[in-house]
């Protein structure tokens, strides 16, 4: 996980890199930076990384009930292998 933060008043950049193993979670940045809300939801939806303390961690781009996370390397790429929405 990589955070790339920028302070307009101080003209400073801050890069934060965190390693995350499968099944682990990270603390949410929404307490410090309110704009992280939708970005963390997108990361959860597409990669499956969970954020502890997030106020509304749910899917934002894929439909409810979608199986898997489309940008993970273990997601099937063949069209006949795509998991559909849960019935």
C-alpha atoms as a PDB file:
ATOM      1  CA  UNK A   1       0.000   0.000   0.000  1.00  0.00           C
ATOM      2  CA  UNK A   2       1.413   3.388  -0.950  1.00  0.00           C
ATOM      3  CA  UNK A   3       0.131   6.726   0.301  1.00  0.00           C
ATOM      4  CA  UNK A   4       1.261   9.798  -1.636  1.00  0.00           C
ATOM      5  CA  UNK A   5       0.226  12.864   0.389  1.00  0.00           C
ATOM      6  CA  UNK A   6       0.784  16.499  -0.502  1.00  0.00           C
ATOM      7  CA  UNK A   7       0.495  19.605   1.673  1.00  0.00           C
ATOM      8  CA  UNK A   8      -0.532  22.659  -0.325  1.00  0.00           C
ATOM      9  CA  UNK A   9       0.287  25.263   2.374  1.00  0.00           C
ATOM     10  CA  UNK A  10       3.761  23.821   3.042  1.00  0.00           C
ATOM     11  CA  UNK A  11       4.498  22.584  -0.508  1.00  0.00           C
ATOM     12  CA  UNK A  12       5.685  19.227   0.873  1.00  0.00           C
ATOM     13  CA  UNK A  13       5.168  15.651  -0.264  1.00  0.00           C
ATOM     14  CA  UNK A  14       5.004  12.632   2.008  1.00  0.00           C
ATOM     15  CA  UNK A  15       5.294   9.055   0.749  1.00  0.00           C
ATOM     16  CA  UNK A  16       4.312   6.182   3.023  1.00  0.00           C
ATOM     17  CA  UNK A  17       4.763   2.565   1.956  1.00  0.00           C
ATOM     18  CA  UNK A  18       3.233  -0.281   3.951  1.00  0.00           C
ATOM     19  CA  UNK A  19       3.635  -3.967   3.219  1.00  0.00           C
ATOM     20  CA  UNK A  20       0.424  -5.968   3.567  1.00  0.00           C
ATOM     21  CA  UNK A  21       0.220  -9.751   3.502  1.00  0.00           C
ATOM     22  CA  UNK A  22      -2.874 -11.587   2.327  1.00  0.00           C
ATOM     23  CA  UNK A  23      -5.561 -11.483   4.998  1.00  0.00           C
ATOM     24  CA  UNK A  24      -3.970  -8.610   6.936  1.00  0.00           C
ATOM     25  CA  UNK A  25      -5.459  -5.149   7.339  1.00  0.00           C
ATOM     26  CA  UNK A  26      -4.160  -1.602   7.719  1.00  0.00           C
ATOM     27  CA  UNK A  27      -5.370   1.209   9.964  1.00  0.00           C
ATOM     28  CA  UNK A  28      -7.624   3.640   8.161  1.00  0.00           C
ATOM     29  CA  UNK A  29      -6.377   7.142   7.369  1.00  0.00           C
ATOM     30  CA  UNK A  30      -9.892   8.621   7.435  1.00  0.00           C
ATOM     31  CA  UNK A  31      -9.432   9.927  10.993  1.00  0.00           C
ATOM     32  CA  UNK A  32      -6.557  12.139   9.838  1.00  0.00           C
ATOM     33  CA  UNK A  33      -7.503  12.720   6.202  1.00  0.00           C
ATOM     34  CA  UNK A  34     -11.233  12.692   5.368  1.00  0.00           C
ATOM     35  CA  UNK A  35     -10.506  12.393   1.634  1.00  0.00           C
ATOM     36  CA  UNK A  36      -9.119   8.887   2.183  1.00  0.00           C
ATOM     37  CA  UNK A  37     -12.677   7.574   2.545  1.00  0.00           C
ATOM     38  CA  UNK A  38     -13.382   6.894  -1.128  1.00  0.00           C
ATOM     39  CA  UNK A  39      -9.794   5.950  -1.974  1.00  0.00           C
ATOM     40  CA  UNK A  40      -9.720   3.277   0.734  1.00  0.00           C
ATOM     41  CA  UNK A  41     -13.113   1.976  -0.411  1.00  0.00           C
ATOM     42  CA  UNK A  42     -11.746   1.695  -3.965  1.00  0.00           C
ATOM     43  CA  UNK A  43      -8.634  -0.178  -2.778  1.00  0.00           C
ATOM     44  CA  UNK A  44     -10.819  -2.536  -0.747  1.00  0.00           C
ATOM     45  CA  UNK A  45     -13.117  -3.154  -3.713  1.00  0.00           C
ATOM     46  CA  UNK A  46     -10.427  -3.742  -6.334  1.00  0.00           C
ATOM     47  CA  UNK A  47      -7.605  -5.316  -4.275  1.00  0.00           C
ATOM     48  CA  UNK A  48      -9.309  -6.671  -1.134  1.00  0.00           C
ATOM     49  CA  UNK A  49      -7.180  -4.776   1.410  1.00  0.00           C
ATOM     50  CA  UNK A  50      -9.193  -4.116   4.586  1.00  0.00           C
ATOM     51  CA  UNK A  51      -8.845  -0.910   6.610  1.00  0.00           C
ATOM     52  CA  UNK A  52      -9.469  -1.077  10.374  1.00  0.00           C
ATOM     53  CA  UNK A  53     -11.583   1.785  11.679  1.00  0.00           C
ATOM     54  CA  UNK A  54     -12.990   2.797   8.296  1.00  0.00           C
ATOM     55  CA  UNK A  55     -16.495   4.274   8.734  1.00  0.00           C
ATOM     56  CA  UNK A  56     -18.099   2.692   5.625  1.00  0.00           C
ATOM     57  CA  UNK A  57     -15.919  -0.022   4.086  1.00  0.00           C
ATOM     58  CA  UNK A  58     -18.065  -1.458   1.289  1.00  0.00           C
ATOM     59  CA  UNK A  59     -17.766  -1.942  -2.447  1.00  0.00           C
ATOM     60  CA  UNK A  60     -17.792   1.216  -4.537  1.00  0.00           C
ATOM     61  CA  UNK A  61     -17.138   0.118  -8.155  1.00  0.00           C
ATOM     62  CA  UNK A  62     -18.283  -3.489  -8.486  1.00  0.00           C
ATOM     63  CA  UNK A  63     -21.874  -4.633  -7.826  1.00  0.00           C
ATOM     64  CA  UNK A  64     -22.965  -5.865  -4.407  1.00  0.00           C
ATOM     65  CA  UNK A  65     -22.308  -9.576  -4.085  1.00  0.00           C
ATOM     66  CA  UNK A  66     -19.426  -9.578  -6.599  1.00  0.00           C
ATOM     67  CA  UNK A  67     -17.053 -12.467  -5.945  1.00  0.00           C
ATOM     68  CA  UNK A  68     -13.347 -11.616  -5.728  1.00  0.00           C
ATOM     69  CA  UNK A  69     -11.327  -8.471  -6.308  1.00  0.00           C
ATOM     70  CA  UNK A  70     -10.639  -7.685  -9.999  1.00  0.00           C
ATOM     71  CA  UNK A  71      -7.142  -6.161  -9.744  1.00  0.00           C
ATOM     72  CA  UNK A  72      -5.594  -8.985  -7.731  1.00  0.00           C
ATOM     73  CA  UNK A  73      -3.196 -11.277  -9.549  1.00  0.00           C
ATOM     74  CA  UNK A  74      -5.182 -14.357  -8.509  1.00  0.00           C
ATOM     75  CA  UNK A  75      -8.382 -13.085 -10.161  1.00  0.00           C
ATOM     76  CA  UNK A  76      -9.320 -15.209 -13.222  1.00  0.00           C
ATOM     77  CA  UNK A  77      -8.651 -13.565 -16.579  1.00  0.00           C
ATOM     78  CA  UNK A  78     -10.479 -15.930 -18.902  1.00  0.00           C
ATOM     79  CA  UNK A  79     -14.065 -14.842 -19.608  1.00  0.00           C
ATOM     80  CA  UNK A  80     -15.457 -18.322 -18.849  1.00  0.00           C
ATOM     81  CA  UNK A  81     -13.774 -18.236 -15.409  1.00  0.00           C
ATOM     82  CA  UNK A  82     -15.172 -14.880 -14.266  1.00  0.00           C
ATOM     83  CA  UNK A  83     -17.145 -15.219 -11.061  1.00  0.00           C
ATOM     84  CA  UNK A  84     -20.576 -13.707 -11.408  1.00  0.00           C
ATOM     85  CA  UNK A  85     -22.541 -11.912  -8.769  1.00  0.00           C
ATOM     86  CA  UNK A  86     -23.831 -14.232  -6.053  1.00  0.00           C
ATOM     87  CA  UNK A  87     -27.313 -15.497  -6.773  1.00  0.00           C
END
